[in-house]
N, C-alpha and C. Protein backbone atom coordinates (compact mmCIF):
# COMPACT_ATOMS: atom_id res chain seq x y z
N MET A 1 28.47 -34.67 -25.71
CA MET A 1 29.24 -34.32 -26.73
C MET A 1 29.06 -35.12 -27.99
N LEU A 2 29.16 -34.33 -29.15
CA LEU A 2 29.27 -35.09 -30.54
C LEU A 2 30.19 -35.98 -30.62
N ASP A 3 30.04 -37.22 -30.78
CA ASP A 3 31.05 -38.14 -30.76
C ASP A 3 32.02 -37.87 -32.01
N ASN A 4 33.21 -37.91 -31.65
CA ASN A 4 34.28 -37.96 -32.81
C ASN A 4 34.54 -36.46 -33.35
N HIS A 5 34.04 -35.51 -32.62
CA HIS A 5 34.20 -34.32 -33.05
C HIS A 5 35.60 -33.76 -32.67
N ASN A 6 36.37 -33.41 -33.68
CA ASN A 6 37.85 -32.78 -33.42
C ASN A 6 38.10 -31.39 -33.40
N GLY A 7 36.97 -30.72 -33.26
CA GLY A 7 37.12 -29.37 -33.32
C GLY A 7 37.74 -28.84 -31.97
N LYS A 8 38.35 -27.47 -32.21
CA LYS A 8 38.85 -26.89 -30.85
C LYS A 8 38.11 -25.68 -30.41
N GLU A 9 37.04 -25.49 -30.89
CA GLU A 9 36.15 -24.24 -30.58
C GLU A 9 35.49 -24.52 -29.18
N VAL A 10 35.89 -23.78 -28.31
CA VAL A 10 35.46 -23.77 -26.72
C VAL A 10 33.85 -23.86 -26.86
N THR A 11 33.25 -22.62 -27.40
CA THR A 11 31.82 -22.66 -27.34
C THR A 11 31.19 -23.62 -27.94
N PHE A 12 31.53 -24.00 -29.15
CA PHE A 12 30.96 -25.04 -29.86
C PHE A 12 30.99 -26.32 -28.89
N SER A 13 32.06 -26.59 -28.36
CA SER A 13 32.29 -27.83 -27.63
C SER A 13 31.27 -27.72 -26.19
N ALA A 14 31.20 -26.66 -25.70
CA ALA A 14 30.41 -26.28 -24.56
C ALA A 14 28.77 -26.60 -24.76
N THR A 15 28.43 -25.98 -25.90
CA THR A 15 27.21 -26.14 -26.23
C THR A 15 26.71 -27.55 -26.44
N LYS A 16 27.62 -28.58 -26.66
CA LYS A 16 27.33 -29.91 -26.99
C LYS A 16 27.08 -30.47 -25.72
N PHE A 17 27.55 -30.10 -24.47
CA PHE A 17 27.16 -30.55 -23.16
C PHE A 17 25.70 -30.42 -23.06
N ALA A 18 24.95 -29.58 -23.50
CA ALA A 18 23.38 -29.21 -23.44
C ALA A 18 22.84 -30.50 -23.99
N LEU A 19 23.42 -31.18 -24.90
CA LEU A 19 22.72 -32.35 -25.64
C LEU A 19 22.13 -33.42 -24.50
N SER A 20 22.89 -33.68 -23.44
CA SER A 20 22.38 -34.55 -22.49
C SER A 20 21.16 -33.95 -21.82
N ILE A 21 20.95 -32.80 -21.51
CA ILE A 21 19.91 -32.16 -21.14
C ILE A 21 18.72 -32.23 -22.04
N VAL A 22 18.85 -32.15 -23.22
CA VAL A 22 17.81 -32.19 -24.25
C VAL A 22 17.44 -33.71 -24.39
N HIS A 23 18.29 -34.68 -24.08
CA HIS A 23 17.83 -36.12 -24.31
C HIS A 23 17.02 -36.25 -23.14
N SER A 24 17.38 -35.77 -21.92
CA SER A 24 16.41 -35.91 -20.85
C SER A 24 15.05 -35.27 -21.05
N LEU A 25 15.34 -34.03 -21.48
CA LEU A 25 13.81 -33.52 -21.74
C LEU A 25 13.08 -34.26 -22.66
N ARG A 26 13.54 -34.77 -23.58
CA ARG A 26 12.83 -35.57 -24.65
C ARG A 26 12.14 -36.85 -23.88
N GLU A 27 12.93 -37.36 -23.12
CA GLU A 27 12.27 -38.54 -22.27
C GLU A 27 11.08 -38.21 -21.39
N ASN A 28 11.29 -36.94 -20.78
CA ASN A 28 10.31 -36.47 -19.76
C ASN A 28 8.95 -36.05 -20.52
N LEU A 29 9.10 -35.50 -21.64
CA LEU A 29 8.12 -35.00 -22.60
C LEU A 29 7.36 -36.03 -23.46
N ARG A 30 7.84 -37.13 -23.47
CA ARG A 30 7.33 -38.31 -24.22
C ARG A 30 6.03 -38.51 -23.88
N LYS A 31 5.69 -38.72 -22.58
CA LYS A 31 4.31 -39.11 -22.09
C LYS A 31 3.15 -38.04 -22.67
N ASP A 32 3.78 -36.91 -22.93
CA ASP A 32 2.88 -35.70 -23.21
C ASP A 32 2.85 -35.41 -24.97
N LYS A 33 3.47 -36.56 -25.59
CA LYS A 33 3.53 -36.64 -27.15
C LYS A 33 4.28 -35.33 -27.61
N ILE A 34 5.18 -34.80 -26.94
CA ILE A 34 5.95 -33.63 -27.45
C ILE A 34 7.39 -34.26 -27.76
N GLY A 35 7.64 -34.24 -29.01
CA GLY A 35 9.10 -34.60 -29.43
C GLY A 35 9.96 -33.54 -29.36
N ILE A 36 11.23 -33.86 -29.12
CA ILE A 36 12.29 -32.91 -28.97
C ILE A 36 13.39 -33.46 -30.07
N SER A 37 13.66 -32.42 -30.94
CA SER A 37 14.73 -32.89 -31.97
C SER A 37 16.04 -32.16 -31.86
N ILE A 38 17.02 -32.66 -32.28
CA ILE A 38 18.30 -31.97 -32.16
C ILE A 38 19.09 -31.98 -33.42
N LEU A 39 19.44 -30.74 -34.02
CA LEU A 39 20.34 -30.67 -35.10
C LEU A 39 21.72 -30.51 -34.83
N ASN A 40 22.37 -31.36 -35.11
CA ASN A 40 23.98 -31.29 -34.87
C ASN A 40 24.50 -30.74 -36.22
N LEU A 41 24.96 -29.30 -36.27
CA LEU A 41 25.33 -28.88 -37.48
C LEU A 41 26.92 -28.61 -37.59
N GLY A 42 27.34 -28.67 -38.57
CA GLY A 42 28.67 -28.33 -38.93
C GLY A 42 28.80 -26.85 -39.28
N TYR A 43 29.81 -26.50 -39.94
CA TYR A 43 29.98 -25.12 -40.38
C TYR A 43 29.12 -24.61 -41.54
N LEU A 44 28.32 -23.40 -41.14
CA LEU A 44 27.41 -22.93 -41.98
C LEU A 44 27.83 -21.89 -42.86
N ALA A 45 27.37 -21.89 -44.03
CA ALA A 45 27.49 -20.78 -45.04
C ALA A 45 26.69 -19.68 -44.68
N THR A 46 26.83 -18.92 -43.61
CA THR A 46 26.08 -17.84 -43.00
C THR A 46 26.15 -16.64 -43.77
N GLU A 47 27.28 -16.39 -44.45
CA GLU A 47 27.72 -15.25 -45.25
C GLU A 47 26.98 -15.04 -46.46
N SER A 48 26.30 -16.07 -47.01
CA SER A 48 25.60 -16.17 -48.20
C SER A 48 24.26 -15.46 -48.25
N GLU A 49 23.73 -15.00 -49.50
CA GLU A 49 22.59 -14.20 -49.45
C GLU A 49 21.54 -15.32 -49.49
N SER A 50 20.45 -14.94 -49.01
CA SER A 50 19.23 -15.94 -48.80
C SER A 50 18.76 -16.40 -50.38
N ASN A 51 18.97 -15.49 -51.16
CA ASN A 51 18.23 -15.83 -52.63
C ASN A 51 19.39 -16.53 -53.37
N GLU A 52 20.58 -16.82 -52.92
CA GLU A 52 21.51 -17.51 -53.77
C GLU A 52 21.15 -18.90 -53.91
N SER A 53 21.48 -19.48 -54.92
CA SER A 53 21.26 -21.03 -55.25
C SER A 53 22.21 -21.78 -54.38
N ILE A 54 21.70 -23.06 -54.07
CA ILE A 54 22.54 -23.93 -53.33
C ILE A 54 23.85 -24.14 -54.16
N GLU A 55 23.67 -24.47 -55.28
CA GLU A 55 24.88 -24.58 -56.12
C GLU A 55 25.93 -23.58 -56.16
N THR A 56 25.51 -22.13 -56.19
CA THR A 56 26.21 -21.06 -56.11
C THR A 56 26.94 -21.21 -54.74
N ILE A 57 26.35 -21.48 -53.77
CA ILE A 57 26.95 -21.42 -52.29
C ILE A 57 27.91 -22.42 -52.31
N VAL A 58 27.65 -23.59 -52.77
CA VAL A 58 28.62 -24.86 -52.74
C VAL A 58 29.79 -24.34 -53.56
N GLU A 59 29.53 -23.74 -54.75
CA GLU A 59 30.76 -23.36 -55.59
C GLU A 59 31.63 -22.29 -54.75
N LYS A 60 30.96 -21.19 -54.06
CA LYS A 60 31.74 -20.16 -53.57
C LYS A 60 32.48 -20.59 -52.28
N THR A 61 31.80 -21.58 -51.70
CA THR A 61 32.55 -22.15 -50.43
C THR A 61 33.34 -23.53 -50.62
N LYS A 62 33.47 -23.70 -51.88
CA LYS A 62 34.16 -24.95 -52.36
C LYS A 62 33.70 -26.22 -51.55
N GLY A 63 32.52 -26.27 -51.18
CA GLY A 63 31.96 -27.36 -50.54
C GLY A 63 32.25 -27.62 -48.97
N ASN A 64 32.91 -26.62 -48.48
CA ASN A 64 33.48 -26.46 -47.16
C ASN A 64 32.35 -26.22 -46.19
N LEU A 65 31.30 -25.51 -46.40
CA LEU A 65 30.33 -25.09 -45.72
C LEU A 65 28.85 -25.63 -45.89
N ILE A 66 27.96 -25.80 -45.22
CA ILE A 66 26.83 -26.11 -45.30
C ILE A 66 25.80 -25.03 -45.72
N PRO A 67 25.04 -25.10 -46.86
CA PRO A 67 24.32 -24.01 -47.22
C PRO A 67 22.88 -23.91 -46.18
N LEU A 68 22.66 -22.74 -45.74
CA LEU A 68 21.42 -22.64 -44.94
C LEU A 68 19.99 -23.24 -45.45
N GLN A 69 20.01 -23.47 -46.84
CA GLN A 69 18.91 -24.07 -47.32
C GLN A 69 18.84 -25.55 -46.83
N ASP A 70 19.91 -26.33 -46.73
CA ASP A 70 19.85 -27.51 -46.19
C ASP A 70 19.52 -27.59 -44.70
N VAL A 71 19.74 -26.78 -44.02
CA VAL A 71 19.35 -26.80 -42.67
C VAL A 71 17.74 -26.48 -42.66
N ILE A 72 17.25 -25.67 -43.44
CA ILE A 72 15.72 -25.36 -43.65
C ILE A 72 15.10 -26.64 -44.16
N SER A 73 15.70 -27.31 -45.09
CA SER A 73 15.08 -28.55 -45.50
C SER A 73 14.95 -29.54 -44.31
N ALA A 74 15.89 -29.64 -43.35
CA ALA A 74 15.94 -30.51 -42.28
C ALA A 74 14.81 -30.16 -41.33
N LEU A 75 14.70 -28.91 -41.21
CA LEU A 75 13.75 -28.46 -40.24
C LEU A 75 12.19 -28.57 -40.80
N ARG A 76 12.16 -28.46 -42.13
CA ARG A 76 10.77 -28.79 -42.90
C ARG A 76 10.47 -30.34 -42.50
N PHE A 77 11.49 -31.22 -42.64
CA PHE A 77 11.23 -32.62 -42.49
C PHE A 77 10.88 -32.93 -41.12
N ILE A 78 11.53 -32.39 -40.07
CA ILE A 78 11.18 -32.56 -38.66
C ILE A 78 9.58 -32.14 -38.48
N THR A 79 9.37 -31.01 -39.04
CA THR A 79 8.05 -30.53 -38.73
C THR A 79 6.87 -31.00 -39.46
N SER A 80 7.37 -31.87 -40.58
CA SER A 80 6.20 -32.64 -41.25
C SER A 80 5.91 -33.89 -40.88
N THR A 81 6.51 -34.42 -39.78
CA THR A 81 6.46 -35.66 -39.33
C THR A 81 5.09 -35.81 -38.27
N SER A 82 4.51 -36.82 -38.23
CA SER A 82 3.32 -36.85 -37.39
C SER A 82 3.66 -36.98 -35.82
N ASN A 83 2.83 -36.79 -34.88
CA ASN A 83 3.21 -37.00 -33.49
C ASN A 83 3.32 -38.39 -33.11
N ALA A 84 3.27 -39.24 -34.04
CA ALA A 84 3.44 -40.72 -33.76
C ALA A 84 4.92 -41.28 -33.72
N SER A 85 5.78 -40.27 -34.36
CA SER A 85 7.40 -40.39 -34.35
C SER A 85 7.94 -39.02 -33.77
N CYS A 86 9.31 -39.50 -33.59
CA CYS A 86 10.21 -38.24 -33.05
C CYS A 86 11.48 -38.45 -33.86
N VAL A 87 11.91 -37.50 -34.46
CA VAL A 87 13.13 -37.29 -35.00
C VAL A 87 14.13 -36.97 -34.10
N LYS A 88 14.88 -37.87 -33.57
CA LYS A 88 15.72 -37.59 -32.33
C LYS A 88 16.86 -36.67 -32.68
N GLU A 89 17.65 -37.09 -33.74
CA GLU A 89 18.86 -36.21 -34.13
C GLU A 89 19.21 -36.31 -35.59
N ILE A 90 19.66 -35.15 -36.10
CA ILE A 90 20.13 -35.02 -37.54
C ILE A 90 21.51 -34.47 -37.20
N ASN A 91 22.27 -35.32 -37.83
CA ASN A 91 23.95 -34.89 -37.77
C ASN A 91 23.98 -34.43 -39.13
N ARG A 92 24.23 -33.03 -39.48
CA ARG A 92 24.56 -32.36 -40.75
C ARG A 92 25.81 -31.73 -40.76
N LEU A 93 26.79 -32.45 -41.57
CA LEU A 93 27.97 -31.68 -41.90
C LEU A 93 28.49 -31.65 -43.35
N ALA A 94 29.35 -30.68 -43.58
CA ALA A 94 29.97 -30.67 -45.03
C ALA A 94 30.69 -31.77 -45.27
N LEU A 95 30.55 -32.29 -46.39
CA LEU A 95 31.38 -33.64 -46.73
C LEU A 95 32.86 -33.31 -46.52
N LYS A 96 33.41 -32.06 -46.83
CA LYS A 96 34.65 -31.62 -46.71
C LYS A 96 35.19 -31.43 -45.24
N ASP A 97 34.27 -31.43 -44.34
CA ASP A 97 34.52 -30.99 -43.04
C ASP A 97 35.37 -32.22 -42.43
N SER A 98 36.61 -31.79 -41.96
CA SER A 98 37.59 -32.71 -41.41
C SER A 98 37.62 -32.77 -39.88
N ASN A 99 36.56 -32.03 -39.25
CA ASN A 99 36.65 -31.91 -37.74
C ASN A 99 35.61 -33.00 -37.46
N VAL A 100 35.08 -33.90 -38.21
CA VAL A 100 34.46 -34.92 -37.52
C VAL A 100 34.76 -36.26 -38.25
């Protein structure tokens, strides 16, 4: 489970159980130079249009939700790294998220 998460969402919490499986998978695939990364995401601004600017999304959500563009930038970072390294985890949450 994601340490220090105070949320009460059952599905969210249950999916965090899968993290231990992913950690084991990463260790088993290390010898094959296959990196496994985890994105631990907070609440996302999924209702926003894809062409909206980050500034507009932050303003509309009052900074309570993560713009999807931030998630895409994290994925681009992960995929841009060489096979000599592995990005194990990225924890991404809205600054105003009080569940963490």
